[in-house]
Amino acid sequence: MIYTVVDSESAHRSRLEQLARACGFSVECGADVADIAVERVAEFDLIFFELSAESLDGNHPVFAPGVFESTEVFVMSETDTPEAADWAIWMGASYYFRKPGDSESLRPLLEDIAAEAASGENR
């Protein structure tokens, strides 16, 4: 199982990485949307994706329709704006939260995704 975190803040990235490892995921991290190669998205069971001013311009190929259809996407944002929520919906996010997020709320979601991936179930 592979999981990736795209978050500009290293401390937050590290916290999410530790939580994911505790739930049984192998983890890759990046600081920017450009760190995700579109052709690799389907390799991941889960992607934590930070919406930021830079990512909201929508110009990166990762925003093409259908890119995330076979991958769970958790979208996080520092601001709880209608624009951020619209992007999360457009991306097909399974879960949307304001950073930093609550580990106790995220843990059961991660555990469920890990169990599905281990059993070979599709979302």
PDB file of N, CA and C in Angstrom:
ATOM      1  N   MET A   1       0.839  -1.182   0.000  1.00  0.00           N
ATOM      2  CA  MET A   1       0.000   0.000   0.000  1.00  0.00           C
ATOM      3  C   MET A   1       0.879   1.238   0.000  1.00  0.00           C
ATOM      4  N   ILE A   2       0.537   2.151  -0.819  1.00  0.00           N
ATOM      5  CA  ILE A   2       1.307   3.382  -0.897  1.00  0.00           C
ATOM      6  C   ILE A   2       0.375   4.555  -0.657  1.00  0.00           C
ATOM      7  N   TYR A   3       0.902   5.536  -0.028  1.00  0.00           N
ATOM      8  CA  TYR A   3       0.155   6.721   0.336  1.00  0.00           C
ATOM      9  C   TYR A   3       1.064   7.898   0.085  1.00  0.00           C
ATOM     10  N   THR A   4       0.541   8.974  -0.394  1.00  0.00           N
ATOM     11  CA  THR A   4       1.384  10.144  -0.592  1.00  0.00           C
ATOM     12  C   THR A   4       0.761  11.356   0.078  1.00  0.00           C
ATOM     13  N   VAL A   5       1.599  12.224   0.537  1.00  0.00           N
ATOM     14  CA  VAL A   5       1.178  13.472   1.158  1.00  0.00           C
ATOM     15  C   VAL A   5       1.748  14.618   0.338  1.00  0.00           C
ATOM     16  N   VAL A   6       0.888  15.487  -0.121  1.00  0.00           N
ATOM     17  CA  VAL A   6       1.343  16.696  -0.800  1.00  0.00           C
ATOM     18  C   VAL A   6       0.951  17.846   0.101  1.00  0.00           C
ATOM     19  N   ASP A   7       1.914  18.369   0.817  1.00  0.00           N
ATOM     20  CA  ASP A   7       1.662  19.419   1.801  1.00  0.00           C
ATOM     21  C   ASP A   7       2.889  20.307   1.873  1.00  0.00           C
ATOM     22  N   SER A   8       2.682  21.601   1.846  1.00  0.00           N
ATOM     23  CA  SER A   8       3.799  22.539   1.837  1.00  0.00           C
ATOM     24  C   SER A   8       4.490  22.676   3.190  1.00  0.00           C
ATOM     25  N   GLU A   9       3.831  22.259   4.257  1.00  0.00           N
ATOM     26  CA  GLU A   9       4.409  22.397   5.596  1.00  0.00           C
ATOM     27  C   GLU A   9       5.039  21.080   6.042  1.00  0.00           C
ATOM     28  N   SER A  10       6.327  21.096   6.256  1.00  0.00           N
ATOM     29  CA  SER A  10       7.021  19.849   6.580  1.00  0.00           C
ATOM     30  C   SER A  10       6.541  19.232   7.890  1.00  0.00           C
ATOM     31  N   ALA A  11       6.220  20.031   8.893  1.00  0.00           N
ATOM     32  CA  ALA A  11       5.759  19.480  10.169  1.00  0.00           C
ATOM     33  C   ALA A  11       4.416  18.768   9.996  1.00  0.00           C
ATOM     34  N   HIS A  12       3.527  19.348   9.231  1.00  0.00           N
ATOM     35  CA  HIS A  12       2.222  18.719   8.990  1.00  0.00           C
ATOM     36  C   HIS A  12       2.381  17.471   8.135  1.00  0.00           C
ATOM     37  N   ARG A  13       3.235  17.543   7.118  1.00  0.00           N
ATOM     38  CA  ARG A  13       3.531  16.385   6.274  1.00  0.00           C
ATOM     39  C   ARG A  13       4.048  15.234   7.128  1.00  0.00           C
ATOM     40  N   SER A  14       4.953  15.547   8.046  1.00  0.00           N
ATOM     41  CA  SER A  14       5.536  14.537   8.920  1.00  0.00           C
ATOM     42  C   SER A  14       4.482  13.904   9.830  1.00  0.00           C
ATOM     43  N   ARG A  15       3.595  14.714  10.371  1.00  0.00           N
ATOM     44  CA  ARG A  15       2.543  14.181  11.251  1.00  0.00           C
ATOM     45  C   ARG A  15       1.619  13.240  10.490  1.00  0.00           C
ATOM     46  N   LEU A  16       1.217  13.621   9.275  1.00  0.00           N
ATOM     47  CA  LEU A  16       0.362  12.755   8.466  1.00  0.00           C
ATOM     48  C   LEU A  16       1.100  11.487   8.045  1.00  0.00           C
ATOM     49  N   GLU A  17       2.391  11.620   7.748  1.00  0.00           N
ATOM     50  CA  GLU A  17       3.197  10.457   7.391  1.00  0.00           C
ATOM     51  C   GLU A  17       3.247   9.457   8.543  1.00  0.00           C
ATOM     52  N   GLN A  18       3.479   9.934   9.756  1.00  0.00           N
ATOM     53  CA  GLN A  18       3.529   9.050  10.923  1.00  0.00           C
ATOM     54  C   GLN A  18       2.192   8.356  11.153  1.00  0.00           C
ATOM     55  N   LEU A  19       1.105   9.103  11.004  1.00  0.00           N
ATOM     56  CA  LEU A  19      -0.222   8.522  11.173  1.00  0.00           C
ATOM     57  C   LEU A  19      -0.470   7.438  10.133  1.00  0.00           C
ATOM     58  N   ALA A  20      -0.118   7.705   8.883  1.00  0.00           N
ATOM     59  CA  ALA A  20      -0.327   6.722   7.815  1.00  0.00           C
ATOM     60  C   ALA A  20       0.522   5.472   8.027  1.00  0.00           C
ATOM     61  N   ARG A  21       1.775   5.641   8.434  1.00  0.00           N
ATOM     62  CA  ARG A  21       2.638   4.484   8.709  1.00  0.00           C
ATOM     63  C   ARG A  21       2.064   3.645   9.850  1.00  0.00           C
ATOM     64  N   ALA A  22       1.511   4.309  10.853  1.00  0.00           N
ATOM     65  CA  ALA A  22       0.905   3.597  11.978  1.00  0.00           C
ATOM     66  C   ALA A  22      -0.306   2.774  11.525  1.00  0.00           C
ATOM     67  N   CYS A  23      -0.921   3.179  10.431  1.00  0.00           N
ATOM     68  CA  CYS A  23      -2.079   2.460   9.892  1.00  0.00           C
ATOM     69  C   CYS A  23      -1.686   1.432   8.835  1.00  0.00           C
ATOM     70  N   GLY A  24      -0.381   1.269   8.593  1.00  0.00           N
ATOM     71  CA  GLY A  24       0.102   0.225   7.704  1.00  0.00           C
ATOM     72  C   GLY A  24       0.450   0.646   6.294  1.00  0.00           C
ATOM     73  N   PHE A  25       0.497   1.936   6.019  1.00  0.00           N
ATOM     74  CA  PHE A  25       0.827   2.412   4.681  1.00  0.00           C
ATOM     75  C   PHE A  25       2.318   2.601   4.502  1.00  0.00           C
ATOM     76  N   SER A  26       2.804   2.331   3.295  1.00  0.00           N
ATOM     77  CA  SER A  26       4.107   2.824   2.868  1.00  0.00           C
ATOM     78  C   SER A  26       3.839   4.256   2.443  1.00  0.00           C
ATOM     79  N   VAL A  27       4.800   5.139   2.617  1.00  0.00           N
ATOM     80  CA  VAL A  27       4.516   6.558   2.423  1.00  0.00           C
ATOM     81  C   VAL A  27       5.535   7.224   1.517  1.00  0.00           C
ATOM     82  N   GLU A  28       5.044   8.088   0.636  1.00  0.00           N
ATOM     83  CA  GLU A  28       5.863   9.004  -0.135  1.00  0.00           C
ATOM     84  C   GLU A  28       5.351  10.398   0.184  1.00  0.00           C
ATOM     85  N   CYS A  29       6.230  11.363   0.213  1.00  0.00           N
ATOM     86  CA  CYS A  29       5.815  12.731   0.526  1.00  0.00           C
ATOM     87  C   CYS A  29       6.343  13.701  -0.511  1.00  0.00           C
ATOM     88  N   GLY A  30       5.610  14.788  -0.665  1.00  0.00           N
ATOM     89  CA  GLY A  30       6.037  15.868  -1.539  1.00  0.00           C
ATOM     90  C   GLY A  30       5.500  17.174  -1.001  1.00  0.00           C
ATOM     91  N   ALA A  31       6.146  18.248  -1.378  1.00  0.00           N
ATOM     92  CA  ALA A  31       5.754  19.552  -0.865  1.00  0.00           C
ATOM     93  C   ALA A  31       4.840  20.307  -1.814  1.00  0.00           C
ATOM     94  N   ASP A  32       4.651  19.784  -3.017  1.00  0.00           N
ATOM     95  CA  ASP A  32       3.934  20.556  -4.013  1.00  0.00           C
ATOM     96  C   ASP A  32       3.176  19.618  -4.945  1.00  0.00           C
ATOM     97  N   VAL A  33       2.103  20.113  -5.545  1.00  0.00           N
ATOM     98  CA  VAL A  33       1.342  19.302  -6.488  1.00  0.00           C
ATOM     99  C   VAL A  33       2.224  18.791  -7.619  1.00  0.00           C
ATOM    100  N   ALA A  34       3.235  19.534  -7.980  1.00  0.00           N
ATOM    101  CA  ALA A  34       4.135  19.113  -9.056  1.00  0.00           C
ATOM    102  C   ALA A  34       4.911  17.856  -8.692  1.00  0.00           C
ATOM    103  N   ASP A  35       4.931  17.495  -7.405  1.00  0.00           N
ATOM    104  CA  ASP A  35       5.629  16.284  -6.981  1.00  0.00           C
ATOM    105  C   ASP A  35       4.852  15.012  -7.315  1.00  0.00           C
ATOM    106  N   ILE A  36       3.594  15.158  -7.752  1.00  0.00           N
ATOM    107  CA  ILE A  36       2.808  13.986  -8.142  1.00  0.00           C
ATOM    108  C   ILE A  36       2.856  13.862  -9.651  1.00  0.00           C
ATOM    109  N   ALA A  37       3.392  12.781 -10.130  1.00  0.00           N
ATOM    110  CA  ALA A  37       3.359  12.513 -11.564  1.00  0.00           C
ATOM    111  C   ALA A  37       1.990  11.921 -11.879  1.00  0.00           C
ATOM    112  N   VAL A  38       1.276  12.521 -12.794  1.00  0.00           N
ATOM    113  CA  VAL A  38      -0.088  12.095 -13.113  1.00  0.00           C
ATOM    114  C   VAL A  38      -0.141  10.614 -13.464  1.00  0.00           C
ATOM    115  N   GLU A  39       0.849  10.143 -14.189  1.00  0.00           N
ATOM    116  CA  GLU A  39       0.840   8.737 -14.596  1.00  0.00           C
ATOM    117  C   GLU A  39       1.025   7.786 -13.415  1.00  0.00           C
ATOM    118  N   ARG A  40       1.403   8.291 -12.257  1.00  0.00           N
ATOM    119  CA  ARG A  40       1.585   7.450 -11.071  1.00  0.00           C
ATOM    120  C   ARG A  40       0.404   7.482 -10.119  1.00  0.00           C
ATOM    121  N   VAL A  41      -0.574   8.357 -10.320  1.00  0.00           N
ATOM    122  CA  VAL A  41      -1.671   8.516  -9.368  1.00  0.00           C
ATOM    123  C   VAL A  41      -2.353   7.188  -9.062  1.00  0.00           C
ATOM    124  N   ALA A  42      -2.591   6.371 -10.069  1.00  0.00           N
ATOM    125  CA  ALA A  42      -3.287   5.102  -9.865  1.00  0.00           C
ATOM    126  C   ALA A  42      -2.504   4.117  -9.000  1.00  0.00           C
ATOM    127  N   GLU A  43      -1.213   4.341  -8.805  1.00  0.00           N
ATOM    128  CA  GLU A  43      -0.407   3.456  -7.951  1.00  0.00           C
ATOM    129  C   GLU A  43      -0.730   3.625  -6.481  1.00  0.00           C
ATOM    130  N   PHE A  44      -1.320   4.755  -6.130  1.00  0.00           N
ATOM    131  CA  PHE A  44      -1.541   5.084  -4.726  1.00  0.00           C
ATOM    132  C   PHE A  44      -2.918   4.631  -4.257  1.00  0.00           C
ATOM    133  N   ASP A  45      -2.981   4.080  -3.050  1.00  0.00           N
ATOM    134  CA  ASP A  45      -4.262   3.754  -2.429  1.00  0.00           C
ATOM    135  C   ASP A  45      -4.908   5.007  -1.860  1.00  0.00           C
ATOM    136  N   LEU A  46      -4.078   5.986  -1.506  1.00  0.00           N
ATOM    137  CA  LEU A  46      -4.580   7.198  -0.874  1.00  0.00           C
ATOM    138  C   LEU A  46      -3.634   8.357  -1.157  1.00  0.00           C
ATOM    139  N   ILE A  47      -4.207   9.524  -1.414  1.00  0.00           N
ATOM    140  CA  ILE A  47      -3.419  10.740  -1.550  1.00  0.00           C
ATOM    141  C   ILE A  47      -4.018  11.803  -0.636  1.00  0.00           C
ATOM    142  N   PHE A  48      -3.198  12.351   0.231  1.00  0.00           N
ATOM    143  CA  PHE A  48      -3.549  13.548   0.997  1.00  0.00           C
ATOM    144  C   PHE A  48      -3.063  14.714   0.163  1.00  0.00           C
ATOM    145  N   PHE A  49      -3.944  15.614  -0.145  1.00  0.00           N
ATOM    146  CA  PHE A  49      -3.619  16.692  -1.058  1.00  0.00           C
ATOM    147  C   PHE A  49      -3.975  18.027  -0.419  1.00  0.00           C
ATOM    148  N   GLU A  50      -2.996  18.917  -0.357  1.00  0.00           N
ATOM    149  CA  GLU A  50      -3.240  20.249   0.202  1.00  0.00           C
ATOM    150  C   GLU A  50      -3.653  21.203  -0.908  1.00  0.00           C
ATOM    151  N   LEU A  51      -4.791  21.840  -0.726  1.00  0.00           N
ATOM    152  CA  LEU A  51      -5.176  22.912  -1.634  1.00  0.00           C
ATOM    153  C   LEU A  51      -4.516  24.184  -1.148  1.00  0.00           C
ATOM    154  N   SER A  52      -3.808  24.828  -2.043  1.00  0.00           N
ATOM    155  CA  SER A  52      -3.147  26.081  -1.710  1.00  0.00           C
ATOM    156  C   SER A  52      -3.391  27.050  -2.851  1.00  0.00           C
ATOM    157  N   ALA A  53      -2.979  28.269  -2.675  1.00  0.00           N
ATOM    158  CA  ALA A  53      -3.140  29.257  -3.739  1.00  0.00           C
ATOM    159  C   ALA A  53      -2.483  28.776  -5.019  1.00  0.00           C
ATOM    160  N   GLU A  54      -1.336  28.122  -4.899  1.00  0.00           N
ATOM    161  CA  GLU A  54      -0.617  27.636  -6.069  1.00  0.00           C
ATOM    162  C   GLU A  54      -1.366  26.493  -6.749  1.00  0.00           C
ATOM    163  N   SER A  55      -1.920  25.580  -5.956  1.00  0.00           N
ATOM    164  CA  SER A  55      -2.598  24.442  -6.573  1.00  0.00           C
ATOM    165  C   SER A  55      -3.966  24.824  -7.111  1.00  0.00           C
ATOM    166  N   LEU A  56      -4.562  25.891  -6.585  1.00  0.00           N
ATOM    167  CA  LEU A  56      -5.896  26.279  -7.023  1.00  0.00           C
ATOM    168  C   LEU A  56      -5.923  26.919  -8.399  1.00  0.00           C
ATOM    169  N   ASP A  57      -4.760  27.151  -8.999  1.00  0.00           N
ATOM    170  CA  ASP A  57      -4.808  27.716 -10.345  1.00  0.00           C
ATOM    171  C   ASP A  57      -5.269  26.672 -11.358  1.00  0.00           C
ATOM    172  N   GLY A  58      -5.193  25.390 -10.978  1.00  0.00           N
ATOM    173  CA  GLY A  58      -5.734  24.321 -11.808  1.00  0.00           C
ATOM    174  C   GLY A  58      -4.953  24.008 -13.065  1.00  0.00           C
ATOM    175  N   ASN A  59      -3.756  24.533 -13.208  1.00  0.00           N
ATOM    176  CA  ASN A  59      -2.991  24.330 -14.436  1.00  0.00           C
ATOM    177  C   ASN A  59      -2.184  23.039 -14.470  1.00  0.00           C
ATOM    178  N   HIS A  60      -1.984  22.397 -13.338  1.00  0.00           N
ATOM    179  CA  HIS A  60      -1.199  21.164 -13.324  1.00  0.00           C
ATOM    180  C   HIS A  60      -2.036  20.017 -13.908  1.00  0.00           C
ATOM    181  N   PRO A  61      -1.416  19.099 -14.664  1.00  0.00           N
ATOM    182  CA  PRO A  61      -2.164  17.986 -15.265  1.00  0.00           C
ATOM    183  C   PRO A  61      -2.882  17.100 -14.255  1.00  0.00           C
ATOM    184  N   VAL A  62      -2.484  17.157 -12.982  1.00  0.00           N
ATOM    185  CA  VAL A  62      -3.147  16.341 -11.969  1.00  0.00           C
ATOM    186  C   VAL A  62      -4.617  16.753 -11.818  1.00  0.00           C
ATOM    187  N   PHE A  63      -4.968  17.934 -12.319  1.00  0.00           N
ATOM    188  CA  PHE A  63      -6.349  18.392 -12.231  1.00  0.00           C
ATOM    189  C   PHE A  63      -7.210  17.984 -13.418  1.00  0.00           C
ATOM    190  N   ALA A  64      -6.672  17.212 -14.339  1.00  0.00           N
ATOM    191  CA  ALA A  64      -7.468  16.771 -15.482  1.00  0.00           C
ATOM    192  C   ALA A  64      -8.603  15.872 -14.989  1.00  0.00           C
ATOM    193  N   PRO A  65      -9.763  15.944 -15.632  1.00  0.00           N
ATOM    194  CA  PRO A  65     -10.902  15.111 -15.207  1.00  0.00           C
ATOM    195  C   PRO A  65     -10.546  13.633 -15.179  1.00  0.00           C
ATOM    196  N   GLY A  66     -10.966  12.954 -14.123  1.00  0.00           N
ATOM    197  CA  GLY A  66     -10.790  11.517 -13.999  1.00  0.00           C
ATOM    198  C   GLY A  66      -9.456  11.051 -13.458  1.00  0.00           C
ATOM    199  N   VAL A  67      -8.526  11.951 -13.189  1.00  0.00           N
ATOM    200  CA  VAL A  67      -7.196  11.552 -12.727  1.00  0.00           C
ATOM    201  C   VAL A  67      -7.282  10.755 -11.423  1.00  0.00           C
ATOM    202  N   PHE A  68      -8.177  11.155 -10.523  1.00  0.00           N
ATOM    203  CA  PHE A  68      -8.253  10.522  -9.210  1.00  0.00           C
ATOM    204  C   PHE A  68      -9.353   9.471  -9.094  1.00  0.00           C
ATOM    205  N   GLU A  69      -9.926   9.014 -10.199  1.00  0.00           N
ATOM    206  CA  GLU A  69     -11.083   8.136 -10.080  1.00  0.00           C
ATOM    207  C   GLU A  69     -10.790   6.786  -9.428  1.00  0.00           C
ATOM    208  N   SER A  70      -9.558   6.305  -9.456  1.00  0.00           N
ATOM    209  CA  SER A  70      -9.256   5.008  -8.847  1.00  0.00           C
ATOM    210  C   SER A  70      -8.462   5.137  -7.545  1.00  0.00           C
ATOM    211  N   THR A  71      -8.377   6.352  -7.016  1.00  0.00           N
ATOM    212  CA  THR A  71      -7.573   6.608  -5.817  1.00  0.00           C
ATOM    213  C   THR A  71      -8.378   7.409  -4.811  1.00  0.00           C
ATOM    214  N   GLU A  72      -8.298   7.026  -3.544  1.00  0.00           N
ATOM    215  CA  GLU A  72      -8.922   7.821  -2.487  1.00  0.00           C
ATOM    216  C   GLU A  72      -8.152   9.132  -2.362  1.00  0.00           C
ATOM    217  N   VAL A  73      -8.859  10.231  -2.273  1.00  0.00           N
ATOM    218  CA  VAL A  73      -8.220  11.533  -2.132  1.00  0.00           C
ATOM    219  C   VAL A  73      -8.807  12.240  -0.922  1.00  0.00           C
ATOM    220  N   PHE A  74      -7.936  12.627  -0.011  1.00  0.00           N
ATOM    221  CA  PHE A  74      -8.318  13.450   1.130  1.00  0.00           C
ATOM    222  C   PHE A  74      -7.766  14.832   0.855  1.00  0.00           C
ATOM    223  N   VAL A  75      -8.630  15.815   0.797  1.00  0.00           N
ATOM    224  CA  VAL A  75      -8.214  17.172   0.497  1.00  0.00           C
ATOM    225  C   VAL A  75      -8.223  17.986   1.782  1.00  0.00           C
ATOM    226  N   MET A  76      -7.146  18.734   1.989  1.00  0.00           N
ATOM    227  CA  MET A  76      -7.032  19.592   3.162  1.00  0.00           C
ATOM    228  C   MET A  76      -6.729  21.003   2.707  1.00  0.00           C
ATOM    229  N   SER A  77      -7.152  21.972   3.504  1.00  0.00           N
ATOM    230  CA  SER A  77      -6.934  23.365   3.159  1.00  0.00           C
ATOM    231  C   SER A  77      -6.746  24.170   4.439  1.00  0.00           C
ATOM    232  N   GLU A  78      -5.893  25.174   4.365  1.00  0.00           N
ATOM    233  CA  GLU A  78      -5.712  26.041   5.531  1.00  0.00           C
ATOM    234  C   GLU A  78      -6.897  26.961   5.728  1.00  0.00           C
ATOM    235  N   THR A  79      -7.603  27.247   4.663  1.00  0.00           N
ATOM    236  CA  THR A  79      -8.776  28.112   4.754  1.00  0.00           C
ATOM    237  C   THR A  79     -10.006  27.329   4.351  1.00  0.00           C
ATOM    238  N   ASP A  80     -11.075  27.562   5.014  1.00  0.00           N
ATOM    239  CA  ASP A  80     -12.313  26.866   4.728  1.00  0.00           C
ATOM    240  C   ASP A  80     -13.174  27.782   3.860  1.00  0.00           C
ATOM    241  N   THR A  81     -12.836  27.833   2.571  1.00  0.00           N
ATOM    242  CA  THR A  81     -13.537  28.729   1.656  1.00  0.00           C
ATOM    243  C   THR A  81     -14.416  27.922   0.701  1.00  0.00           C
ATOM    244  N   PRO A  82     -15.435  28.546   0.152  1.00  0.00           N
ATOM    245  CA  PRO A  82     -16.254  27.842  -0.844  1.00  0.00           C
ATOM    246  C   PRO A  82     -15.431  27.386  -2.050  1.00  0.00           C
ATOM    247  N   GLU A  83     -14.434  28.171  -2.434  1.00  0.00           N
ATOM    248  CA  GLU A  83     -13.585  27.793  -3.566  1.00  0.00           C
ATOM    249  C   GLU A  83     -12.826  26.498  -3.272  1.00  0.00           C
ATOM    250  N   ALA A  84     -12.275  26.393  -2.081  1.00  0.00           N
ATOM    251  CA  ALA A  84     -11.547  25.174  -1.709  1.00  0.00           C
ATOM    252  C   ALA A  84     -12.486  23.973  -1.677  1.00  0.00           C
ATOM    253  N   ALA A  85     -13.663  24.150  -1.113  1.00  0.00           N
ATOM    254  CA  ALA A  85     -14.636  23.057  -1.068  1.00  0.00           C
ATOM    255  C   ALA A  85     -15.059  22.646  -2.481  1.00  0.00           C
ATOM    256  N   ASP A  86     -15.249  23.620  -3.372  1.00  0.00           N
ATOM    257  CA  ASP A  86     -15.599  23.311  -4.759  1.00  0.00           C
ATOM    258  C   ASP A  86     -14.507  22.492  -5.441  1.00  0.00           C
ATOM    259  N   TRP A  87     -13.226  22.867  -5.214  1.00  0.00           N
ATOM    260  CA  TRP A  87     -12.119  22.109  -5.786  1.00  0.00           C
ATOM    261  C   TRP A  87     -12.115  20.683  -5.244  1.00  0.00           C
ATOM    262  N   ALA A  88     -12.355  20.538  -3.956  1.00  0.00           N
ATOM    263  CA  ALA A  88     -12.363  19.198  -3.352  1.00  0.00           C
ATOM    264  C   ALA A  88     -13.447  18.330  -3.994  1.00  0.00           C
ATOM    265  N   ILE A  89     -14.619  18.905  -4.193  1.00  0.00           N
ATOM    266  CA  ILE A  89     -15.704  18.166  -4.841  1.00  0.00           C
ATOM    267  C   ILE A  89     -15.322  17.827  -6.274  1.00  0.00           C
ATOM    268  N   TRP A  90     -14.791  18.789  -6.988  1.00  0.00           N
ATOM    269  CA  TRP A  90     -14.417  18.593  -8.381  1.00  0.00           C
ATOM    270  C   TRP A  90     -13.373  17.487  -8.525  1.00  0.00           C
ATOM    271  N   MET A  91     -12.455  17.415  -7.564  1.00  0.00           N
ATOM    272  CA  MET A  91     -11.410  16.396  -7.605  1.00  0.00           C
ATOM    273  C   MET A  91     -11.932  15.021  -7.204  1.00  0.00           C
ATOM    274  N   GLY A  92     -13.146  14.950  -6.683  1.00  0.00           N
ATOM    275  CA  GLY A  92     -13.690  13.677  -6.236  1.00  0.00           C
ATOM    276  C   GLY A  92     -13.184  13.272  -4.871  1.00  0.00           C
ATOM    277  N   ALA A  93     -12.919  14.249  -4.027  1.00  0.00           N
ATOM    278  CA  ALA A  93     -12.372  13.962  -2.698  1.00  0.00           C
ATOM    279  C   ALA A  93     -13.307  13.074  -1.890  1.00  0.00           C
ATOM    280  N   SER A  94     -12.720  12.128  -1.194  1.00  0.00           N
ATOM    281  CA  SER A  94     -13.467  11.270  -0.287  1.00  0.00           C
ATOM    282  C   SER A  94     -13.698  11.968   1.041  1.00  0.00           C
ATOM    283  N   TYR A  95     -12.799  12.880   1.367  1.00  0.00           N
ATOM    284  CA  TYR A  95     -12.837  13.545   2.666  1.00  0.00           C
ATOM    285  C   TYR A  95     -12.183  14.911   2.508  1.00  0.00           C
ATOM    286  N   TYR A  96     -12.783  15.920   3.097  1.00  0.00           N
ATOM    287  CA  TYR A  96     -12.264  17.281   3.042  1.00  0.00           C
ATOM    288  C   TYR A  96     -12.171  17.813   4.460  1.00  0.00           C
ATOM    289  N   PHE A  97     -11.042  18.396   4.806  1.00  0.00           N
ATOM    290  CA  PHE A  97     -10.905  18.953   6.148  1.00  0.00           C
ATOM    291  C   PHE A  97      -9.998  20.164   6.141  1.00  0.00           C
ATOM    292  N   ARG A  98     -10.173  20.966   7.153  1.00  0.00           N
ATOM    293  CA  ARG A  98      -9.318  22.128   7.350  1.00  0.00           C
ATOM    294  C   ARG A  98      -8.080  21.682   8.114  1.00  0.00           C
ATOM    295  N   LYS A  99      -6.909  22.120   7.644  1.00  0.00           N
ATOM    296  CA  LYS A  99      -5.665  21.781   8.332  1.00  0.00           C
ATOM    297  C   LYS A  99      -5.676  22.380   9.733  1.00  0.00           C
ATOM    298  N   PRO A 100      -5.122  21.719  10.694  1.00  0.00           N
ATOM    299  CA  PRO A 100      -4.266  20.546  10.557  1.00  0.00           C
ATOM    300  C   PRO A 100      -5.015  19.216  10.567  1.00  0.00           C
ATOM    301  N   GLY A 101      -6.282  19.186  10.845  1.00  0.00           N
ATOM    302  CA  GLY A 101      -7.011  17.918  10.902  1.00  0.00           C
ATOM    303  C   GLY A 101      -6.804  17.249  12.240  1.00  0.00           C
ATOM    304  N   ASP A 102      -7.714  16.406  12.595  1.00  0.00           N
ATOM    305  CA  ASP A 102      -7.685  15.718  13.874  1.00  0.00           C
ATOM    306  C   ASP A 102      -7.263  14.261  13.655  1.00  0.00           C
ATOM    307  N   SER A 103      -6.129  13.883  14.225  1.00  0.00           N
ATOM    308  CA  SER A 103      -5.609  12.526  14.034  1.00  0.00           C
ATOM    309  C   SER A 103      -6.613  11.463  14.453  1.00  0.00           C
ATOM    310  N   GLU A 104      -7.341  11.725  15.517  1.00  0.00           N
ATOM    311  CA  GLU A 104      -8.300  10.725  16.000  1.00  0.00           C
ATOM    312  C   GLU A 104      -9.470  10.547  15.036  1.00  0.00           C
ATOM    313  N   SER A 105      -9.808  11.581  14.280  1.00  0.00           N
ATOM    314  CA  SER A 105     -10.857  11.458  13.262  1.00  0.00           C
ATOM    315  C   SER A 105     -10.322  10.799  11.998  1.00  0.00           C
ATOM    316  N   LEU A 106      -9.065  11.076  11.677  1.00  0.00           N
ATOM    317  CA  LEU A 106      -8.467  10.533  10.459  1.00  0.00           C
ATOM    318  C   LEU A 106      -8.080   9.060  10.588  1.00  0.00           C
ATOM    319  N   ARG A 107      -7.673   8.644  11.775  1.00  0.00           N
ATOM    320  CA  ARG A 107      -7.175   7.272  11.967  1.00  0.00           C
ATOM    321  C   ARG A 107      -8.169   6.203  11.491  1.00  0.00           C
ATOM    322  N   PRO A 108      -9.451   6.234  11.891  1.00  0.00           N
ATOM    323  CA  PRO A 108     -10.356   5.178  11.421  1.00  0.00           C
ATOM    324  C   PRO A 108     -10.550   5.184   9.901  1.00  0.00           C
ATOM    325  N   LEU A 109     -10.516   6.363   9.290  1.00  0.00           N
ATOM    326  CA  LEU A 109     -10.635   6.439   7.834  1.00  0.00           C
ATOM    327  C   LEU A 109      -9.435   5.771   7.165  1.00  0.00           C
ATOM    328  N   LEU A 110      -8.241   6.063   7.680  1.00  0.00           N
ATOM    329  CA  LEU A 110      -7.024   5.444   7.134  1.00  0.00           C
ATOM    330  C   LEU A 110      -7.027   3.938   7.349  1.00  0.00           C
ATOM    331  N   GLU A 111      -7.458   3.506   8.504  1.00  0.00           N
ATOM    332  CA  GLU A 111      -7.499   2.068   8.793  1.00  0.00           C
ATOM    333  C   GLU A 111      -8.459   1.346   7.852  1.00  0.00           C
ATOM    334  N   ASP A 112      -9.612   1.962   7.544  1.00  0.00           N
ATOM    335  CA  ASP A 112     -10.566   1.359   6.612  1.00  0.00           C
ATOM    336  C   ASP A 112      -9.973   1.237   5.214  1.00  0.00           C
ATOM    337  N   ILE A 113      -9.300   2.288   4.744  1.00  0.00           N
ATOM    338  CA  ILE A 113      -8.692   2.260   3.415  1.00  0.00           C
ATOM    339  C   ILE A 113      -7.582   1.214   3.362  1.00  0.00           C
ATOM    340  N   ALA A 114      -6.787   1.128   4.420  1.00  0.00           N
ATOM    341  CA  ALA A 114      -5.718   0.126   4.479  1.00  0.00           C
ATOM    342  C   ALA A 114      -6.300  -1.285   4.445  1.00  0.00           C
ATOM    343  N   ALA A 115      -7.389  -1.508   5.169  1.00  0.00           N
ATOM    344  CA  ALA A 115      -8.018  -2.832   5.177  1.00  0.00           C
ATOM    345  C   ALA A 115      -8.575  -3.183   3.797  1.00  0.00           C
ATOM    346  N   GLU A 116      -9.206  -2.219   3.129  1.00  0.00           N
ATOM    347  CA  GLU A 116      -9.720  -2.456   1.778  1.00  0.00           C
ATOM    348  C   GLU A 116      -8.583  -2.774   0.807  1.00  0.00           C
ATOM    349  N   ALA A 117      -7.492  -2.014   0.894  1.00  0.00           N
ATOM    350  CA  ALA A 117      -6.366  -2.238   0.000  1.00  0.00           C
ATOM    351  C   ALA A 117      -5.752  -3.620   0.248  1.00  0.00           C
ATOM    352  N   ALA A 118      -5.649  -4.016   1.518  1.00  0.00           N
ATOM    353  CA  ALA A 118      -5.058  -5.312   1.849  1.00  0.00           C
ATOM    354  C   ALA A 118      -5.920  -6.470   1.354  1.00  0.00           C
ATOM    355  N   SER A 119      -7.248  -6.262   1.346  1.00  0.00           N
ATOM    356  CA  SER A 119      -8.144  -7.322   0.916  1.00  0.00           C
ATOM    357  C   SER A 119      -8.368  -7.336  -0.600  1.00  0.00           C
ATOM    358  N   GLY A 120      -7.826  -6.297  -1.272  1.00  0.00           N
ATOM    359  CA  GLY A 120      -7.973  -6.212  -2.720  1.00  0.00           C
ATOM    360  C   GLY A 120      -9.284  -5.623  -3.167  1.00  0.00           C
ATOM    361  N   GLU A 121     -10.072  -5.068  -2.238  1.00  0.00           N
ATOM    362  CA  GLU A 121     -11.350  -4.444  -2.601  1.00  0.00           C
ATOM    363  C   GLU A 121     -11.093  -3.145  -3.333  1.00  0.00           C
ATOM    364  N   ASN A 122     -11.970  -2.819  -4.245  1.00  0.00           N
ATOM    365  CA  ASN A 122     -11.926  -1.522  -4.916  1.00  0.00           C
ATOM    366  C   ASN A 122     -12.852  -0.582  -4.198  1.00  0.00           C
ATOM    367  N   ARG A 123     -12.533   0.702  -4.260  1.00  0.00           N
ATOM    368  CA  ARG A 123     -13.417   1.657  -3.593  1.00  0.00           C
ATOM    369  C   ARG A 123     -14.675   1.878  -4.364  1.00  0.00           C
TER     370      ARG A 123
END
